[in-house]
Structures are given as structure tokens and as C-alpha cells.
Amino acid sequence: MNWPAGVLGRALAAVYLVACPVLYVGVVWTLIGQLTGDGTPQTPAIVLFLVGALLIIGLSFVLGRWVPERRNKLTKNMRGSQLAYFRLGLGFELWRAWRVVRGERAAAGEPN
């Protein structure tokens, strides 16, 4: 995925670098609480999961137009926002986002 150039790209990448770990921590915390059955409240874990999920959903709509067109059997009928959601949710863009935040690759047209 190509991140936008400039300050917008850095800001969106920084939000993603926060949202993805928050989502995963919420999932793991919830699963540990469910598996151990210790009776502690799951509210903080669920809140972390929801915040991370909502941030990634919002980012996928914003970044949907920067997803390159890839036509194959699985993605031929998907919009850019759907492809962005899958890439962001699975963590495929963490390294690229880190590079954008550090300023190593800020232009949208540079190769991945």
C-alpha cells in the first residue's frame, strides 16, 4: 500500500502504529481472561479491542484510495477500502508505516 506523502502520511502511519498493537493487546487480553476464567472484569480488554478496531476501520476508509489495484481471484471485486482493511488489520503495513513515520519513505510513488 502506498502511504500519502507529507504530514498526512506521517500522521496516519502514527495512528496505525498505535491502533494495531492496541487491537492485538485487546484480543490477547480478552482471550487470556476467557481461558483462565479468573472472574476479573473484561471491560478494559474489550475497550482496547474496540478502540483499535475502530481506528483501523477509520484508517481503511481514509487510505482506501492509496491501495494499488491488484486484480486476482480474491480481490477482483473488492474496493480499495476493503483491501486496506485487510492489510491494516492483519498487520501487513506495520513496517511500511514505521518507515513513513521515520521519514525514510514519505512519497506515495516510491516502491514498497
N, C-alpha and C. Protein backbone atom coordinates (compact mmCIF):
# COMPACT_ATOMS: atom_id res chain seq x y z
N MET A 1 0.85 -1.17 0.00
CA MET A 1 0.00 0.00 0.00
C MET A 1 0.90 1.23 0.00
N ASN A 2 0.50 2.21 -0.73
CA ASN A 2 1.23 3.47 -0.78
C ASN A 2 0.64 4.44 0.23
N TRP A 3 1.47 4.91 1.14
CA TRP A 3 1.01 5.88 2.13
C TRP A 3 1.06 7.27 1.52
N PRO A 4 0.16 8.17 1.92
CA PRO A 4 0.20 9.53 1.38
C PRO A 4 1.50 10.23 1.75
N ALA A 5 1.87 11.18 0.94
CA ALA A 5 3.10 11.93 1.19
C ALA A 5 2.87 13.03 2.22
N GLY A 6 3.93 13.44 2.86
CA GLY A 6 3.89 14.60 3.75
C GLY A 6 3.38 14.30 5.14
N VAL A 7 2.86 15.35 5.74
CA VAL A 7 2.41 15.29 7.13
C VAL A 7 1.21 14.36 7.28
N LEU A 8 0.33 14.34 6.30
CA LEU A 8 -0.84 13.46 6.36
C LEU A 8 -0.41 12.00 6.45
N GLY A 9 0.54 11.61 5.62
CA GLY A 9 1.02 10.23 5.65
C GLY A 9 1.66 9.86 6.97
N ARG A 10 2.45 10.78 7.51
CA ARG A 10 3.08 10.52 8.81
C ARG A 10 2.05 10.41 9.93
N ALA A 11 1.05 11.28 9.91
CA ALA A 11 0.02 11.25 10.96
C ALA A 11 -0.79 9.95 10.87
N LEU A 12 -1.18 9.56 9.67
CA LEU A 12 -1.96 8.33 9.52
C LEU A 12 -1.12 7.11 9.89
N ALA A 13 0.15 7.11 9.53
CA ALA A 13 1.03 6.00 9.89
C ALA A 13 1.22 5.92 11.41
N ALA A 14 1.33 7.06 12.06
CA ALA A 14 1.48 7.07 13.52
C ALA A 14 0.22 6.54 14.20
N VAL A 15 -0.94 6.93 13.69
CA VAL A 15 -2.20 6.40 14.25
C VAL A 15 -2.26 4.89 14.07
N TYR A 16 -1.83 4.42 12.91
CA TYR A 16 -1.84 2.98 12.66
C TYR A 16 -0.86 2.25 13.58
N LEU A 17 0.30 2.84 13.84
CA LEU A 17 1.27 2.20 14.72
C LEU A 17 0.77 2.11 16.16
N VAL A 18 -0.19 2.93 16.52
CA VAL A 18 -0.82 2.83 17.83
C VAL A 18 -2.01 1.87 17.78
N ALA A 19 -2.80 1.94 16.72
CA ALA A 19 -4.04 1.17 16.63
C ALA A 19 -3.81 -0.33 16.54
N CYS A 20 -2.84 -0.75 15.75
CA CYS A 20 -2.63 -2.18 15.55
C CYS A 20 -2.21 -2.90 16.84
N PRO A 21 -1.22 -2.41 17.57
CA PRO A 21 -0.89 -3.09 18.83
C PRO A 21 -2.02 -3.02 19.86
N VAL A 22 -2.76 -1.92 19.88
CA VAL A 22 -3.89 -1.81 20.82
C VAL A 22 -4.92 -2.88 20.50
N LEU A 23 -5.20 -3.09 19.22
CA LEU A 23 -6.15 -4.12 18.80
C LEU A 23 -5.66 -5.50 19.25
N TYR A 24 -4.40 -5.81 18.98
CA TYR A 24 -3.88 -7.13 19.33
C TYR A 24 -3.80 -7.34 20.84
N VAL A 25 -3.44 -6.31 21.59
CA VAL A 25 -3.41 -6.44 23.06
C VAL A 25 -4.82 -6.70 23.59
N GLY A 26 -5.80 -6.01 23.03
CA GLY A 26 -7.19 -6.24 23.45
C GLY A 26 -7.65 -7.66 23.17
N VAL A 27 -7.28 -8.20 22.02
CA VAL A 27 -7.66 -9.57 21.68
C VAL A 27 -6.99 -10.56 22.61
N VAL A 28 -5.69 -10.41 22.80
CA VAL A 28 -4.95 -11.35 23.65
C VAL A 28 -5.43 -11.28 25.09
N TRP A 29 -5.65 -10.06 25.58
CA TRP A 29 -6.12 -9.89 26.96
C TRP A 29 -7.49 -10.54 27.14
N THR A 30 -8.37 -10.36 26.18
CA THR A 30 -9.70 -10.96 26.26
C THR A 30 -9.61 -12.48 26.23
N LEU A 31 -8.79 -13.03 25.34
CA LEU A 31 -8.65 -14.48 25.26
C LEU A 31 -8.04 -15.07 26.53
N ILE A 32 -7.05 -14.40 27.09
CA ILE A 32 -6.45 -14.89 28.33
C ILE A 32 -7.48 -14.87 29.46
N GLY A 33 -8.25 -13.79 29.52
CA GLY A 33 -9.29 -13.72 30.55
C GLY A 33 -10.36 -14.79 30.38
N GLN A 34 -10.71 -15.09 29.15
CA GLN A 34 -11.70 -16.13 28.90
C GLN A 34 -11.16 -17.53 29.19
N LEU A 35 -9.92 -17.76 28.84
CA LEU A 35 -9.34 -19.09 29.05
C LEU A 35 -9.05 -19.38 30.51
N THR A 36 -8.64 -18.38 31.26
CA THR A 36 -8.32 -18.62 32.67
C THR A 36 -9.57 -18.61 33.53
N GLY A 37 -10.57 -17.85 33.15
CA GLY A 37 -11.81 -17.82 33.91
C GLY A 37 -11.64 -17.32 35.32
N ASP A 38 -10.73 -16.36 35.52
CA ASP A 38 -10.45 -15.89 36.87
C ASP A 38 -11.49 -14.92 37.41
N GLY A 39 -12.43 -14.49 36.61
CA GLY A 39 -13.51 -13.63 37.08
C GLY A 39 -13.19 -12.16 37.09
N THR A 40 -12.03 -11.77 36.60
CA THR A 40 -11.73 -10.34 36.53
C THR A 40 -12.54 -9.70 35.41
N PRO A 41 -12.89 -8.44 35.58
CA PRO A 41 -13.69 -7.78 34.54
C PRO A 41 -12.93 -7.66 33.22
N GLN A 42 -13.62 -7.88 32.15
CA GLN A 42 -13.03 -7.83 30.81
C GLN A 42 -13.22 -6.48 30.14
N THR A 43 -13.76 -5.53 30.85
CA THR A 43 -14.06 -4.22 30.25
C THR A 43 -12.84 -3.53 29.66
N PRO A 44 -11.69 -3.45 30.36
CA PRO A 44 -10.54 -2.79 29.74
C PRO A 44 -10.08 -3.49 28.46
N ALA A 45 -10.11 -4.80 28.45
CA ALA A 45 -9.69 -5.54 27.26
C ALA A 45 -10.63 -5.28 26.10
N ILE A 46 -11.91 -5.26 26.38
CA ILE A 46 -12.89 -5.03 25.31
C ILE A 46 -12.78 -3.60 24.80
N VAL A 47 -12.54 -2.65 25.69
CA VAL A 47 -12.37 -1.26 25.26
C VAL A 47 -11.14 -1.12 24.38
N LEU A 48 -10.02 -1.75 24.75
CA LEU A 48 -8.83 -1.71 23.91
C LEU A 48 -9.10 -2.30 22.53
N PHE A 49 -9.78 -3.44 22.51
CA PHE A 49 -10.10 -4.07 21.24
C PHE A 49 -10.97 -3.16 20.38
N LEU A 50 -12.00 -2.58 20.96
CA LEU A 50 -12.90 -1.72 20.18
C LEU A 50 -12.21 -0.46 19.68
N VAL A 51 -11.38 0.14 20.51
CA VAL A 51 -10.65 1.34 20.08
C VAL A 51 -9.73 1.00 18.91
N GLY A 52 -8.97 -0.09 19.02
CA GLY A 52 -8.09 -0.49 17.94
C GLY A 52 -8.85 -0.83 16.68
N ALA A 53 -9.96 -1.54 16.80
CA ALA A 53 -10.75 -1.92 15.63
C ALA A 53 -11.35 -0.70 14.96
N LEU A 54 -11.89 0.23 15.74
CA LEU A 54 -12.49 1.43 15.15
C LEU A 54 -11.45 2.31 14.46
N LEU A 55 -10.26 2.40 15.04
CA LEU A 55 -9.20 3.17 14.40
C LEU A 55 -8.78 2.54 13.07
N ILE A 56 -8.67 1.22 13.04
CA ILE A 56 -8.27 0.55 11.81
C ILE A 56 -9.38 0.66 10.76
N ILE A 57 -10.62 0.57 11.16
CA ILE A 57 -11.73 0.75 10.21
C ILE A 57 -11.71 2.15 9.64
N GLY A 58 -11.51 3.15 10.49
CA GLY A 58 -11.44 4.53 10.01
C GLY A 58 -10.26 4.75 9.08
N LEU A 59 -9.11 4.20 9.43
CA LEU A 59 -7.94 4.33 8.57
C LEU A 59 -8.16 3.64 7.22
N SER A 60 -8.87 2.52 7.22
CA SER A 60 -9.08 1.82 5.96
C SER A 60 -9.93 2.64 5.00
N PHE A 61 -10.88 3.39 5.52
CA PHE A 61 -11.67 4.25 4.64
C PHE A 61 -10.85 5.43 4.12
N VAL A 62 -9.99 5.97 4.97
CA VAL A 62 -9.16 7.10 4.55
C VAL A 62 -8.09 6.65 3.55
N LEU A 63 -7.47 5.51 3.82
CA LEU A 63 -6.36 5.04 2.99
C LEU A 63 -6.80 4.21 1.80
N GLY A 64 -8.08 4.02 1.62
CA GLY A 64 -8.58 3.17 0.54
C GLY A 64 -8.17 3.60 -0.84
N ARG A 65 -8.01 4.88 -1.06
CA ARG A 65 -7.64 5.34 -2.40
C ARG A 65 -6.15 5.21 -2.69
N TRP A 66 -5.34 4.88 -1.69
CA TRP A 66 -3.90 4.70 -1.89
C TRP A 66 -3.52 3.23 -2.04
N VAL A 67 -4.50 2.35 -2.08
CA VAL A 67 -4.21 0.93 -2.27
C VAL A 67 -4.05 0.67 -3.76
N PRO A 68 -2.92 0.09 -4.17
CA PRO A 68 -2.75 -0.18 -5.60
C PRO A 68 -3.73 -1.25 -6.08
N GLU A 69 -4.13 -1.14 -7.32
CA GLU A 69 -5.05 -2.10 -7.90
C GLU A 69 -4.34 -3.43 -8.13
N ARG A 70 -4.87 -4.46 -7.53
CA ARG A 70 -4.36 -5.81 -7.78
C ARG A 70 -5.55 -6.68 -8.12
N ARG A 71 -5.55 -7.17 -9.26
CA ARG A 71 -6.67 -8.00 -9.70
C ARG A 71 -6.27 -9.47 -9.69
N ASN A 72 -6.87 -10.22 -8.79
CA ASN A 72 -6.74 -11.67 -8.80
C ASN A 72 -8.09 -12.24 -8.39
N LYS A 73 -8.17 -13.52 -8.21
CA LYS A 73 -9.46 -14.16 -7.93
C LYS A 73 -10.09 -13.65 -6.64
N LEU A 74 -9.28 -13.39 -5.64
CA LEU A 74 -9.82 -13.00 -4.34
C LEU A 74 -10.18 -11.52 -4.27
N THR A 75 -9.43 -10.68 -4.97
CA THR A 75 -9.60 -9.24 -4.79
C THR A 75 -10.22 -8.52 -5.98
N LYS A 76 -10.69 -9.25 -6.98
CA LYS A 76 -11.17 -8.58 -8.18
C LYS A 76 -12.44 -7.76 -7.95
N ASN A 77 -13.23 -8.09 -6.95
CA ASN A 77 -14.46 -7.36 -6.68
C ASN A 77 -14.38 -6.47 -5.44
N MET A 78 -13.21 -6.31 -4.88
CA MET A 78 -13.06 -5.52 -3.65
C MET A 78 -12.73 -4.07 -3.97
N ARG A 79 -13.23 -3.21 -3.10
CA ARG A 79 -12.86 -1.79 -3.19
C ARG A 79 -11.52 -1.58 -2.49
N GLY A 80 -10.96 -0.40 -2.69
CA GLY A 80 -9.68 -0.09 -2.06
C GLY A 80 -9.77 -0.08 -0.54
N SER A 81 -10.90 0.38 0.00
CA SER A 81 -11.04 0.41 1.46
C SER A 81 -11.09 -1.00 2.05
N GLN A 82 -11.67 -1.94 1.32
CA GLN A 82 -11.70 -3.31 1.80
C GLN A 82 -10.31 -3.93 1.81
N LEU A 83 -9.56 -3.69 0.75
CA LEU A 83 -8.19 -4.19 0.71
C LEU A 83 -7.34 -3.54 1.80
N ALA A 84 -7.54 -2.25 2.01
CA ALA A 84 -6.80 -1.55 3.06
C ALA A 84 -7.14 -2.12 4.43
N TYR A 85 -8.42 -2.44 4.67
CA TYR A 85 -8.83 -3.01 5.95
C TYR A 85 -8.12 -4.34 6.20
N PHE A 86 -8.07 -5.19 5.20
CA PHE A 86 -7.40 -6.47 5.37
C PHE A 86 -5.91 -6.29 5.62
N ARG A 87 -5.27 -5.42 4.87
CA ARG A 87 -3.83 -5.20 5.05
C ARG A 87 -3.53 -4.59 6.41
N LEU A 88 -4.36 -3.63 6.84
CA LEU A 88 -4.12 -2.98 8.13
C LEU A 88 -4.45 -3.91 9.29
N GLY A 89 -5.56 -4.61 9.19
CA GLY A 89 -5.99 -5.49 10.27
C GLY A 89 -5.05 -6.66 10.52
N LEU A 90 -4.43 -7.16 9.45
CA LEU A 90 -3.51 -8.28 9.59
C LEU A 90 -2.09 -7.85 9.94
N GLY A 91 -1.85 -6.55 9.96
CA GLY A 91 -0.54 -6.05 10.35
C GLY A 91 0.48 -6.03 9.24
N PHE A 92 0.04 -6.16 7.99
CA PHE A 92 0.98 -6.19 6.87
C PHE A 92 1.66 -4.84 6.64
N GLU A 93 1.10 -3.78 7.16
CA GLU A 93 1.62 -2.44 6.89
C GLU A 93 2.43 -1.85 8.04
N LEU A 94 2.72 -2.63 9.07
CA LEU A 94 3.44 -2.09 10.22
C LEU A 94 4.83 -1.59 9.84
N TRP A 95 5.58 -2.37 9.08
CA TRP A 95 6.93 -1.96 8.73
C TRP A 95 6.91 -0.73 7.83
N ARG A 96 6.01 -0.71 6.86
CA ARG A 96 5.94 0.45 5.97
C ARG A 96 5.50 1.70 6.74
N ALA A 97 4.57 1.54 7.67
CA ALA A 97 4.13 2.68 8.47
C ALA A 97 5.28 3.21 9.32
N TRP A 98 6.09 2.31 9.88
CA TRP A 98 7.23 2.73 10.67
C TRP A 98 8.21 3.51 9.81
N ARG A 99 8.43 3.06 8.59
CA ARG A 99 9.33 3.77 7.69
C ARG A 99 8.78 5.15 7.33
N VAL A 100 7.47 5.26 7.15
CA VAL A 100 6.87 6.56 6.82
C VAL A 100 7.00 7.51 8.00
N VAL A 101 6.76 7.03 9.21
CA VAL A 101 6.87 7.89 10.39
C VAL A 101 8.30 8.37 10.57
N ARG A 102 9.26 7.53 10.30
CA ARG A 102 10.67 7.92 10.43
C ARG A 102 11.14 8.79 9.28
N GLY A 103 10.34 8.91 8.23
CA GLY A 103 10.71 9.75 7.10
C GLY A 103 11.58 9.08 6.07
N GLU A 104 11.72 7.78 6.15
CA GLU A 104 12.55 7.05 5.20
C GLU A 104 11.88 6.90 3.84
N ARG A 105 10.56 6.86 3.84
CA ARG A 105 9.81 6.71 2.59
C ARG A 105 8.50 7.46 2.75
N ALA A 106 8.51 8.72 2.42
CA ALA A 106 7.32 9.53 2.64
C ALA A 106 6.52 9.77 1.37
N ALA A 107 7.12 9.59 0.21
CA ALA A 107 6.40 9.88 -1.03
C ALA A 107 5.50 8.70 -1.40
N ALA A 108 4.35 9.03 -1.98
CA ALA A 108 3.37 8.00 -2.31
C ALA A 108 3.80 7.15 -3.48
N GLY A 109 4.67 7.64 -4.35
CA GLY A 109 5.01 6.88 -5.53
C GLY A 109 6.23 5.99 -5.41
N GLU A 110 6.88 5.98 -4.27
CA GLU A 110 8.09 5.18 -4.11
C GLU A 110 7.75 3.71 -4.00
N PRO A 111 8.64 2.83 -4.43
CA PRO A 111 8.36 1.39 -4.34
C PRO A 111 8.34 0.93 -2.90
N ASN A 112 7.59 -0.15 -2.65
CA ASN A 112 7.49 -0.71 -1.29
C ASN A 112 8.75 -1.39 -0.98
